[in-house]
C-alpha cells in the first residue's frame, strides 16, 4: 500500500490572540458538533462556552477545549496544514469546502471525497481540461482530486525503480466508491496512452452488475449497496500502457 503520510505544505492556519470572546470552539449538542464562542476563562481552570446556535452555556476543562481554526474563504485544501486537528475541526473544513463546491480535500496523502449527488457540481470536475492539469504533477501542486491520487500511483509505477502500488477506496454506502474507482481507472487508461484508452476500464466496470447480483442489499442510503469487497488489479505492459485487469 502507498504510505498515507505527507509533509505538511502551505500556510499554517492560526487562531488570533487577544480577547477570549473572539475565539471559537466546538461543543457537542445532541450528538452533533456545534460552533461556540469562548465567554471566559475561569479561576478554577475551566472555560465557559456559549453555543452560537442555541446560546446555551457549557463549562469545560481548559485542556478539553476543542478550538476552531480560522479558515480562508474556500477552506484549506490539505488539512495537515490546520493548526487544530480534531474531529469537529476537520468536519468544519470539509463542510466549508463542500458549500463552495469543492468535493475533494486532502489529509496528507489521503483524498477525502464528499458525494454532492448533483451532476451540475460533478460534471465540471471531470472535463478534459481538468484532467490535463494532473499528468506529471505532484499532489501538492494542483487542487485536490482523485486524478492526483491516480497520477501519484502511476508515476511511482513508471519510475526507473518503480514498484507496484495500491489505492484503498473506502467509505459508507452511497459515498461514491464505485464512481471514484471508475474515474481513476479512466484516468490511468488515458495517461498511459493505451491503444483503446477506456476499453479495459469499461470491461472491468461491465462486470459490476454480475458481481452485485450475488452480494448486494438495500440500505437507507443506497438501493444497491455492495456487501463485499473488491480488489481490482490493473495491469500495465513494459511500456507502462494499460494492458489488462483482474478482479479478485
C-alpha atoms as a PDB file:
ATOM      1  CA  UNK A   1       0.000   0.000   0.000  1.00  0.00           C
ATOM      2  CA  UNK A   2       1.050   3.548  -0.542  1.00  0.00           C
ATOM      3  CA  UNK A   3       2.258   5.381   2.517  1.00  0.00           C
ATOM      4  CA  UNK A   4      -0.518   7.558   3.894  1.00  0.00           C
ATOM      5  CA  UNK A   5       1.680  10.293   5.305  1.00  0.00           C
ATOM      6  CA  UNK A   6       2.954  13.500   3.783  1.00  0.00           C
ATOM      7  CA  UNK A   7       4.888  16.505   4.962  1.00  0.00           C
ATOM      8  CA  UNK A   8       2.511  19.387   5.597  1.00  0.00           C
ATOM      9  CA  UNK A   9       2.706  22.051   2.907  1.00  0.00           C
ATOM     10  CA  UNK A  10       1.255  25.521   2.675  1.00  0.00           C
ATOM     11  CA  UNK A  11       0.482  28.065   5.366  1.00  0.00           C
ATOM     12  CA  UNK A  12      -0.471  27.050   8.878  1.00  0.00           C
ATOM     13  CA  UNK A  13      -3.879  28.428   9.876  1.00  0.00           C
ATOM     14  CA  UNK A  14      -3.522  30.239  13.197  1.00  0.00           C
ATOM     15  CA  UNK A  15      -6.011  31.412  15.807  1.00  0.00           C
ATOM     16  CA  UNK A  16      -5.934  35.102  16.793  1.00  0.00           C
ATOM     17  CA  UNK A  17      -4.576  36.307  20.098  1.00  0.00           C
ATOM     18  CA  UNK A  18      -6.431  38.665  22.364  1.00  0.00           C
ATOM     19  CA  UNK A  19      -9.976  38.737  23.714  1.00  0.00           C
ATOM     20  CA  UNK A  20     -11.214  35.211  24.620  1.00  0.00           C
ATOM     21  CA  UNK A  21     -14.657  36.255  23.423  1.00  0.00           C
ATOM     22  CA  UNK A  22     -13.264  36.444  19.896  1.00  0.00           C
ATOM     23  CA  UNK A  23     -12.179  32.801  19.937  1.00  0.00           C
ATOM     24  CA  UNK A  24     -14.318  29.998  18.653  1.00  0.00           C
ATOM     25  CA  UNK A  25     -14.526  26.380  19.739  1.00  0.00           C
ATOM     26  CA  UNK A  26     -16.855  23.415  19.346  1.00  0.00           C
ATOM     27  CA  UNK A  27     -19.370  21.868  21.727  1.00  0.00           C
ATOM     28  CA  UNK A  28     -21.366  18.680  21.298  1.00  0.00           C
ATOM     29  CA  UNK A  29     -25.136  19.120  21.266  1.00  0.00           C
ATOM     30  CA  UNK A  30     -27.420  16.116  20.762  1.00  0.00           C
ATOM     31  CA  UNK A  31     -24.679  14.135  19.071  1.00  0.00           C
ATOM     32  CA  UNK A  32     -23.653  16.962  16.717  1.00  0.00           C
ATOM     33  CA  UNK A  33     -20.731  19.354  16.813  1.00  0.00           C
ATOM     34  CA  UNK A  34     -21.843  22.990  17.099  1.00  0.00           C
ATOM     35  CA  UNK A  35     -19.843  26.199  16.905  1.00  0.00           C
ATOM     36  CA  UNK A  36     -19.438  28.042  20.211  1.00  0.00           C
ATOM     37  CA  UNK A  37     -17.760  31.188  21.436  1.00  0.00           C
ATOM     38  CA  UNK A  38     -15.443  31.296  24.457  1.00  0.00           C
ATOM     39  CA  UNK A  39     -17.057  33.534  27.050  1.00  0.00           C
ATOM     40  CA  UNK A  40     -14.500  33.406  29.864  1.00  0.00           C
ATOM     41  CA  UNK A  41     -11.524  31.591  31.338  1.00  0.00           C
ATOM     42  CA  UNK A  42     -12.438  30.831  34.939  1.00  0.00           C
ATOM     43  CA  UNK A  43     -10.228  30.829  38.041  1.00  0.00           C
ATOM     44  CA  UNK A  44     -10.777  27.113  38.657  1.00  0.00           C
ATOM     45  CA  UNK A  45      -9.191  26.188  35.332  1.00  0.00           C
ATOM     46  CA  UNK A  46     -12.453  25.756  33.459  1.00  0.00           C
ATOM     47  CA  UNK A  47     -13.718  27.625  30.409  1.00  0.00           C
ATOM     48  CA  UNK A  48     -17.246  28.877  29.780  1.00  0.00           C
ATOM     49  CA  UNK A  49     -18.518  28.461  26.222  1.00  0.00           C
ATOM     50  CA  UNK A  50     -21.762  29.621  24.623  1.00  0.00           C
ATOM     51  CA  UNK A  51     -23.346  27.809  21.694  1.00  0.00           C
ATOM     52  CA  UNK A  52     -23.738  30.185  18.757  1.00  0.00           C
ATOM     53  CA  UNK A  53     -26.919  28.413  17.605  1.00  0.00           C
ATOM     54  CA  UNK A  54     -28.780  27.938  20.900  1.00  0.00           C
ATOM     55  CA  UNK A  55     -26.894  30.344  23.212  1.00  0.00           C
ATOM     56  CA  UNK A  56     -26.752  27.572  25.802  1.00  0.00           C
ATOM     57  CA  UNK A  57     -23.667  27.803  28.014  1.00  0.00           C
ATOM     58  CA  UNK A  58     -21.258  24.973  28.772  1.00  0.00           C
ATOM     59  CA  UNK A  59     -18.381  24.669  31.226  1.00  0.00           C
ATOM     60  CA  UNK A  60     -15.422  22.523  30.256  1.00  0.00           C
ATOM     61  CA  UNK A  61     -11.905  21.911  31.495  1.00  0.00           C
ATOM     62  CA  UNK A  62      -9.453  24.129  29.653  1.00  0.00           C
ATOM     63  CA  UNK A  63      -7.402  21.144  28.472  1.00  0.00           C
ATOM     64  CA  UNK A  64     -10.503  19.632  26.856  1.00  0.00           C
ATOM     65  CA  UNK A  65     -11.496  22.615  24.714  1.00  0.00           C
ATOM     66  CA  UNK A  66     -11.677  21.891  21.002  1.00  0.00           C
ATOM     67  CA  UNK A  67     -10.655  25.191  19.436  1.00  0.00           C
ATOM     68  CA  UNK A  68     -11.774  26.160  15.940  1.00  0.00           C
ATOM     69  CA  UNK A  69      -9.481  27.181  13.101  1.00  0.00           C
ATOM     70  CA  UNK A  70      -9.927  30.456  11.246  1.00  0.00           C
ATOM     71  CA  UNK A  71     -10.424  29.251   7.693  1.00  0.00           C
ATOM     72  CA  UNK A  72      -9.920  31.063   4.380  1.00  0.00           C
ATOM     73  CA  UNK A  73     -12.950  31.603   2.165  1.00  0.00           C
ATOM     74  CA  UNK A  74     -12.602  28.266   0.347  1.00  0.00           C
ATOM     75  CA  UNK A  75     -11.276  26.304   3.314  1.00  0.00           C
ATOM     76  CA  UNK A  76      -7.905  24.556   3.419  1.00  0.00           C
ATOM     77  CA  UNK A  77      -7.009  22.066   0.668  1.00  0.00           C
ATOM     78  CA  UNK A  78      -4.711  19.951   2.876  1.00  0.00           C
ATOM     79  CA  UNK A  79      -5.935  19.551   6.432  1.00  0.00           C
ATOM     80  CA  UNK A  80      -2.469  18.693   7.743  1.00  0.00           C
ATOM     81  CA  UNK A  81      -1.953  22.464   7.483  1.00  0.00           C
ATOM     82  CA  UNK A  82      -4.658  23.203  10.052  1.00  0.00           C
ATOM     83  CA  UNK A  83      -3.461  24.431  13.422  1.00  0.00           C
ATOM     84  CA  UNK A  84      -6.062  22.377  15.290  1.00  0.00           C
ATOM     85  CA  UNK A  85      -6.561  18.769  14.187  1.00  0.00           C
ATOM     86  CA  UNK A  86      -9.536  17.086  15.802  1.00  0.00           C
ATOM     87  CA  UNK A  87     -12.855  15.696  14.560  1.00  0.00           C
ATOM     88  CA  UNK A  88     -15.002  18.871  14.567  1.00  0.00           C
ATOM     89  CA  UNK A  89     -12.185  20.947  13.057  1.00  0.00           C
ATOM     90  CA  UNK A  90     -11.780  18.522  10.164  1.00  0.00           C
ATOM     91  CA  UNK A  91     -15.539  18.302   9.618  1.00  0.00           C
ATOM     92  CA  UNK A  92     -15.826  22.099   9.709  1.00  0.00           C
ATOM     93  CA  UNK A  93     -13.238  22.480   6.946  1.00  0.00           C
ATOM     94  CA  UNK A  94     -14.841  19.758   4.817  1.00  0.00           C
ATOM     95  CA  UNK A  95     -18.268  21.371   5.306  1.00  0.00           C
ATOM     96  CA  UNK A  96     -16.988  24.783   4.230  1.00  0.00           C
ATOM     97  CA  UNK A  97     -15.297  23.379   1.133  1.00  0.00           C
ATOM     98  CA  UNK A  98     -18.383  21.361   0.229  1.00  0.00           C
ATOM     99  CA  UNK A  99     -20.519  24.511   0.444  1.00  0.00           C
ATOM    100  CA  UNK A 100     -18.108  26.060  -2.108  1.00  0.00           C
ATOM    101  CA  UNK A 101     -18.496  23.015  -4.409  1.00  0.00           C
ATOM    102  CA  UNK A 102     -15.022  21.705  -3.572  1.00  0.00           C
ATOM    103  CA  UNK A 103     -15.738  17.978  -3.483  1.00  0.00           C
ATOM    104  CA  UNK A 104     -12.158  16.865  -2.728  1.00  0.00           C
ATOM    105  CA  UNK A 105      -9.951  17.661   0.277  1.00  0.00           C
ATOM    106  CA  UNK A 106      -6.591  16.187   1.292  1.00  0.00           C
ATOM    107  CA  UNK A 107      -5.396  14.952   4.638  1.00  0.00           C
ATOM    108  CA  UNK A 108      -1.773  14.343   3.761  1.00  0.00           C
ATOM    109  CA  UNK A 109      -1.864  11.736   1.020  1.00  0.00           C
ATOM    110  CA  UNK A 110      -5.447  10.757   1.788  1.00  0.00           C
ATOM    111  CA  UNK A 111      -8.058  12.265  -0.528  1.00  0.00           C
ATOM    112  CA  UNK A 112     -11.464  12.765   1.093  1.00  0.00           C
ATOM    113  CA  UNK A 113     -14.370  12.906  -1.359  1.00  0.00           C
ATOM    114  CA  UNK A 114     -17.870  14.115  -0.455  1.00  0.00           C
ATOM    115  CA  UNK A 115     -20.558  12.923  -2.857  1.00  0.00           C
ATOM    116  CA  UNK A 116     -22.525  16.020  -3.986  1.00  0.00           C
ATOM    117  CA  UNK A 117     -25.360  13.958  -5.533  1.00  0.00           C
ATOM    118  CA  UNK A 118     -25.526  16.778  -8.081  1.00  0.00           C
ATOM    119  CA  UNK A 119     -24.309  16.276 -11.649  1.00  0.00           C
ATOM    120  CA  UNK A 120     -24.077  20.046 -12.202  1.00  0.00           C
ATOM    121  CA  UNK A 121     -21.422  20.129  -9.481  1.00  0.00           C
ATOM    122  CA  UNK A 122     -19.699  16.908 -10.506  1.00  0.00           C
ATOM    123  CA  UNK A 123     -19.539  17.224 -14.304  1.00  0.00           C
ATOM    124  CA  UNK A 124     -17.042  20.147 -14.495  1.00  0.00           C
ATOM    125  CA  UNK A 125     -14.638  18.218 -12.242  1.00  0.00           C
ATOM    126  CA  UNK A 126     -14.017  15.580 -14.900  1.00  0.00           C
ATOM    127  CA  UNK A 127     -13.691  17.624 -18.061  1.00  0.00           C
ATOM    128  CA  UNK A 128     -10.620  17.090 -20.243  1.00  0.00           C
ATOM    129  CA  UNK A 129      -9.220  20.495 -19.282  1.00  0.00           C
ATOM    130  CA  UNK A 130      -9.193  19.412 -15.631  1.00  0.00           C
ATOM    131  CA  UNK A 131      -7.673  16.007 -16.355  1.00  0.00           C
ATOM    132  CA  UNK A 132      -4.837  17.688 -18.282  1.00  0.00           C
ATOM    133  CA  UNK A 133      -3.735  19.517 -15.109  1.00  0.00           C
ATOM    134  CA  UNK A 134      -2.529  16.331 -13.413  1.00  0.00           C
ATOM    135  CA  UNK A 135      -0.161  14.299 -15.650  1.00  0.00           C
ATOM    136  CA  UNK A 136       3.374  14.698 -14.267  1.00  0.00           C
ATOM    137  CA  UNK A 137       2.079  16.813 -11.381  1.00  0.00           C
ATOM    138  CA  UNK A 138       2.803  16.320  -7.673  1.00  0.00           C
ATOM    139  CA  UNK A 139      -0.255  16.038  -5.437  1.00  0.00           C
ATOM    140  CA  UNK A 140       0.545  19.316  -3.681  1.00  0.00           C
ATOM    141  CA  UNK A 141       0.868  21.252  -6.960  1.00  0.00           C
ATOM    142  CA  UNK A 142      -2.757  21.007  -8.141  1.00  0.00           C
ATOM    143  CA  UNK A 143      -6.180  21.195  -6.481  1.00  0.00           C
ATOM    144  CA  UNK A 144      -7.240  18.048  -4.573  1.00  0.00           C
ATOM    145  CA  UNK A 145      -8.672  15.386  -6.873  1.00  0.00           C
ATOM    146  CA  UNK A 146      -8.766  11.606  -7.303  1.00  0.00           C
ATOM    147  CA  UNK A 147      -6.875  12.282 -10.544  1.00  0.00           C
ATOM    148  CA  UNK A 148      -3.919  13.314  -8.379  1.00  0.00           C
ATOM    149  CA  UNK A 149      -4.104  10.072  -6.383  1.00  0.00           C
ATOM    150  CA  UNK A 150      -4.128   8.014  -9.586  1.00  0.00           C
ATOM    151  CA  UNK A 151      -1.304  10.124 -11.061  1.00  0.00           C
ATOM    152  CA  UNK A 152       0.835   9.647  -7.943  1.00  0.00           C
ATOM    153  CA  UNK A 153       0.438   5.864  -8.196  1.00  0.00           C
ATOM    154  CA  UNK A 154       1.148   5.848 -11.948  1.00  0.00           C
ATOM    155  CA  UNK A 155       4.320   7.938 -11.595  1.00  0.00           C
ATOM    156  CA  UNK A 156       5.657   5.552  -8.954  1.00  0.00           C
ATOM    157  CA  UNK A 157       4.891   2.542 -11.151  1.00  0.00           C
ATOM    158  CA  UNK A 158       6.599   4.047 -14.186  1.00  0.00           C
ATOM    159  CA  UNK A 159       9.660   5.363 -12.315  1.00  0.00           C
ATOM    160  CA  UNK A 160      13.070   3.798 -13.015  1.00  0.00           C
ATOM    161  CA  UNK A 161      12.832   1.595  -9.920  1.00  0.00           C
ATOM    162  CA  UNK A 162       9.036   1.509  -9.988  1.00  0.00           C
ATOM    163  CA  UNK A 163       7.089  -0.710  -7.614  1.00  0.00           C
ATOM    164  CA  UNK A 164       3.523  -1.953  -7.579  1.00  0.00           C
ATOM    165  CA  UNK A 165       1.107   0.497  -5.964  1.00  0.00           C
ATOM    166  CA  UNK A 166      -2.227   0.096  -4.172  1.00  0.00           C
ATOM    167  CA  UNK A 167      -5.034   2.635  -3.788  1.00  0.00           C
ATOM    168  CA  UNK A 168      -7.504   1.907  -0.999  1.00  0.00           C
ATOM    169  CA  UNK A 169     -11.010   3.285  -1.607  1.00  0.00           C
ATOM    170  CA  UNK A 170     -13.296   3.101   1.413  1.00  0.00           C
ATOM    171  CA  UNK A 171     -16.497   4.757   2.577  1.00  0.00           C
ATOM    172  CA  UNK A 172     -20.048   4.134   3.693  1.00  0.00           C
ATOM    173  CA  UNK A 173     -22.895   3.013   1.471  1.00  0.00           C
ATOM    174  CA  UNK A 174     -23.625   5.518  -1.290  1.00  0.00           C
ATOM    175  CA  UNK A 175     -20.473   7.550  -0.672  1.00  0.00           C
ATOM    176  CA  UNK A 176     -19.322   7.147  -4.285  1.00  0.00           C
ATOM    177  CA  UNK A 177     -16.649   4.451  -4.040  1.00  0.00           C
ATOM    178  CA  UNK A 178     -17.541   2.743  -7.320  1.00  0.00           C
ATOM    179  CA  UNK A 179     -17.654   6.067  -9.150  1.00  0.00           C
ATOM    180  CA  UNK A 180     -14.275   7.074  -7.699  1.00  0.00           C
ATOM    181  CA  UNK A 181     -12.724   3.802  -8.858  1.00  0.00           C
ATOM    182  CA  UNK A 182     -14.179   4.307 -12.335  1.00  0.00           C
ATOM    183  CA  UNK A 183     -12.779   7.844 -12.543  1.00  0.00           C
ATOM    184  CA  UNK A 184      -9.301   6.691 -11.513  1.00  0.00           C
ATOM    185  CA  UNK A 185      -9.306   3.775 -13.959  1.00  0.00           C
ATOM    186  CA  UNK A 186     -10.320   6.065 -16.798  1.00  0.00           C
ATOM    187  CA  UNK A 187      -7.537   8.484 -15.806  1.00  0.00           C
ATOM    188  CA  UNK A 188      -4.949   5.683 -15.782  1.00  0.00           C
ATOM    189  CA  UNK A 189      -6.140   4.453 -19.170  1.00  0.00           C
ATOM    190  CA  UNK A 190      -5.824   7.977 -20.574  1.00  0.00           C
ATOM    191  CA  UNK A 191      -2.404   8.935 -19.188  1.00  0.00           C
ATOM    192  CA  UNK A 192      -0.888   5.561 -20.019  1.00  0.00           C
ATOM    193  CA  UNK A 193      -1.961   6.194 -23.645  1.00  0.00           C
ATOM    194  CA  UNK A 194      -3.166   2.647 -24.149  1.00  0.00           C
ATOM    195  CA  UNK A 195      -4.462   1.876 -27.638  1.00  0.00           C
ATOM    196  CA  UNK A 196      -8.130   1.606 -26.670  1.00  0.00           C
ATOM    197  CA  UNK A 197      -7.945   4.074 -23.820  1.00  0.00           C
ATOM    198  CA  UNK A 198     -11.012   3.092 -21.850  1.00  0.00           C
ATOM    199  CA  UNK A 199     -11.637  -0.434 -23.127  1.00  0.00           C
ATOM    200  CA  UNK A 200     -10.058  -2.209 -20.157  1.00  0.00           C
ATOM    201  CA  UNK A 201     -11.720   0.131 -17.662  1.00  0.00           C
ATOM    202  CA  UNK A 202     -15.084  -0.363 -19.365  1.00  0.00           C
ATOM    203  CA  UNK A 203     -14.718  -4.147 -19.298  1.00  0.00           C
ATOM    204  CA  UNK A 204     -13.955  -4.111 -15.578  1.00  0.00           C
ATOM    205  CA  UNK A 205     -16.919  -1.860 -14.860  1.00  0.00           C
ATOM    206  CA  UNK A 206     -19.167  -4.018 -17.033  1.00  0.00           C
ATOM    207  CA  UNK A 207     -18.553  -6.895 -14.611  1.00  0.00           C
ATOM    208  CA  UNK A 208     -20.100  -4.961 -11.704  1.00  0.00           C
ATOM    209  CA  UNK A 209     -23.724  -5.982 -12.340  1.00  0.00           C
ATOM    210  CA  UNK A 210     -22.721  -9.658 -12.295  1.00  0.00           C
ATOM    211  CA  UNK A 211     -20.809  -9.303  -9.034  1.00  0.00           C
ATOM    212  CA  UNK A 212     -23.519  -7.214  -7.445  1.00  0.00           C
ATOM    213  CA  UNK A 213     -26.171  -9.807  -8.262  1.00  0.00           C
ATOM    214  CA  UNK A 214     -24.537 -12.128  -5.703  1.00  0.00           C
ATOM    215  CA  UNK A 215     -23.834  -9.799  -2.806  1.00  0.00           C
ATOM    216  CA  UNK A 216     -25.879  -6.628  -2.675  1.00  0.00           C
ATOM    217  CA  UNK A 217     -28.584  -5.372  -0.359  1.00  0.00           C
ATOM    218  CA  UNK A 218     -30.807  -2.359   0.076  1.00  0.00           C
ATOM    219  CA  UNK A 219     -29.771   0.200   2.699  1.00  0.00           C
ATOM    220  CA  UNK A 220     -31.228   3.502   3.872  1.00  0.00           C
ATOM    221  CA  UNK A 221     -28.874   5.395   1.562  1.00  0.00           C
ATOM    222  CA  UNK A 222     -28.390   3.043  -1.354  1.00  0.00           C
ATOM    223  CA  UNK A 223     -30.858   0.707  -3.069  1.00  0.00           C
ATOM    224  CA  UNK A 224     -27.994  -1.413  -4.408  1.00  0.00           C
ATOM    225  CA  UNK A 225     -25.283  -1.489  -1.770  1.00  0.00           C
ATOM    226  CA  UNK A 226     -22.362  -3.901  -2.101  1.00  0.00           C
ATOM    227  CA  UNK A 227     -21.974  -6.358   0.758  1.00  0.00           C
ATOM    228  CA  UNK A 228     -18.494  -7.438  -0.306  1.00  0.00           C
ATOM    229  CA  UNK A 229     -15.058  -6.012  -1.015  1.00  0.00           C
ATOM    230  CA  UNK A 230     -13.336  -5.984  -4.398  1.00  0.00           C
ATOM    231  CA  UNK A 231      -9.672  -5.970  -5.319  1.00  0.00           C
ATOM    232  CA  UNK A 232      -9.147  -4.719  -8.878  1.00  0.00           C
ATOM    233  CA  UNK A 233      -5.675  -5.328 -10.310  1.00  0.00           C
ATOM    234  CA  UNK A 234      -4.815  -3.014 -13.203  1.00  0.00           C
ATOM    235  CA  UNK A 235      -2.057  -4.421 -15.390  1.00  0.00           C
ATOM    236  CA  UNK A 236       0.489  -2.459 -17.442  1.00  0.00           C
ATOM    237  CA  UNK A 237       2.936  -3.675 -20.059  1.00  0.00           C
ATOM    238  CA  UNK A 238       6.660  -2.889 -20.274  1.00  0.00           C
ATOM    239  CA  UNK A 239       5.819   0.476 -21.877  1.00  0.00           C
ATOM    240  CA  UNK A 240       3.523   1.245 -18.909  1.00  0.00           C
ATOM    241  CA  UNK A 241       0.421   1.168 -21.082  1.00  0.00           C
ATOM    242  CA  UNK A 242      -2.700  -0.339 -19.506  1.00  0.00           C
ATOM    243  CA  UNK A 243      -2.968  -3.829 -20.944  1.00  0.00           C
ATOM    244  CA  UNK A 244      -5.414  -5.753 -18.764  1.00  0.00           C
ATOM    245  CA  UNK A 245      -7.105  -6.153 -15.424  1.00  0.00           C
ATOM    246  CA  UNK A 246      -8.089  -8.794 -12.930  1.00  0.00           C
ATOM    247  CA  UNK A 247     -10.827  -8.730 -10.298  1.00  0.00           C
ATOM    248  CA  UNK A 248     -10.257 -10.670  -7.070  1.00  0.00           C
END
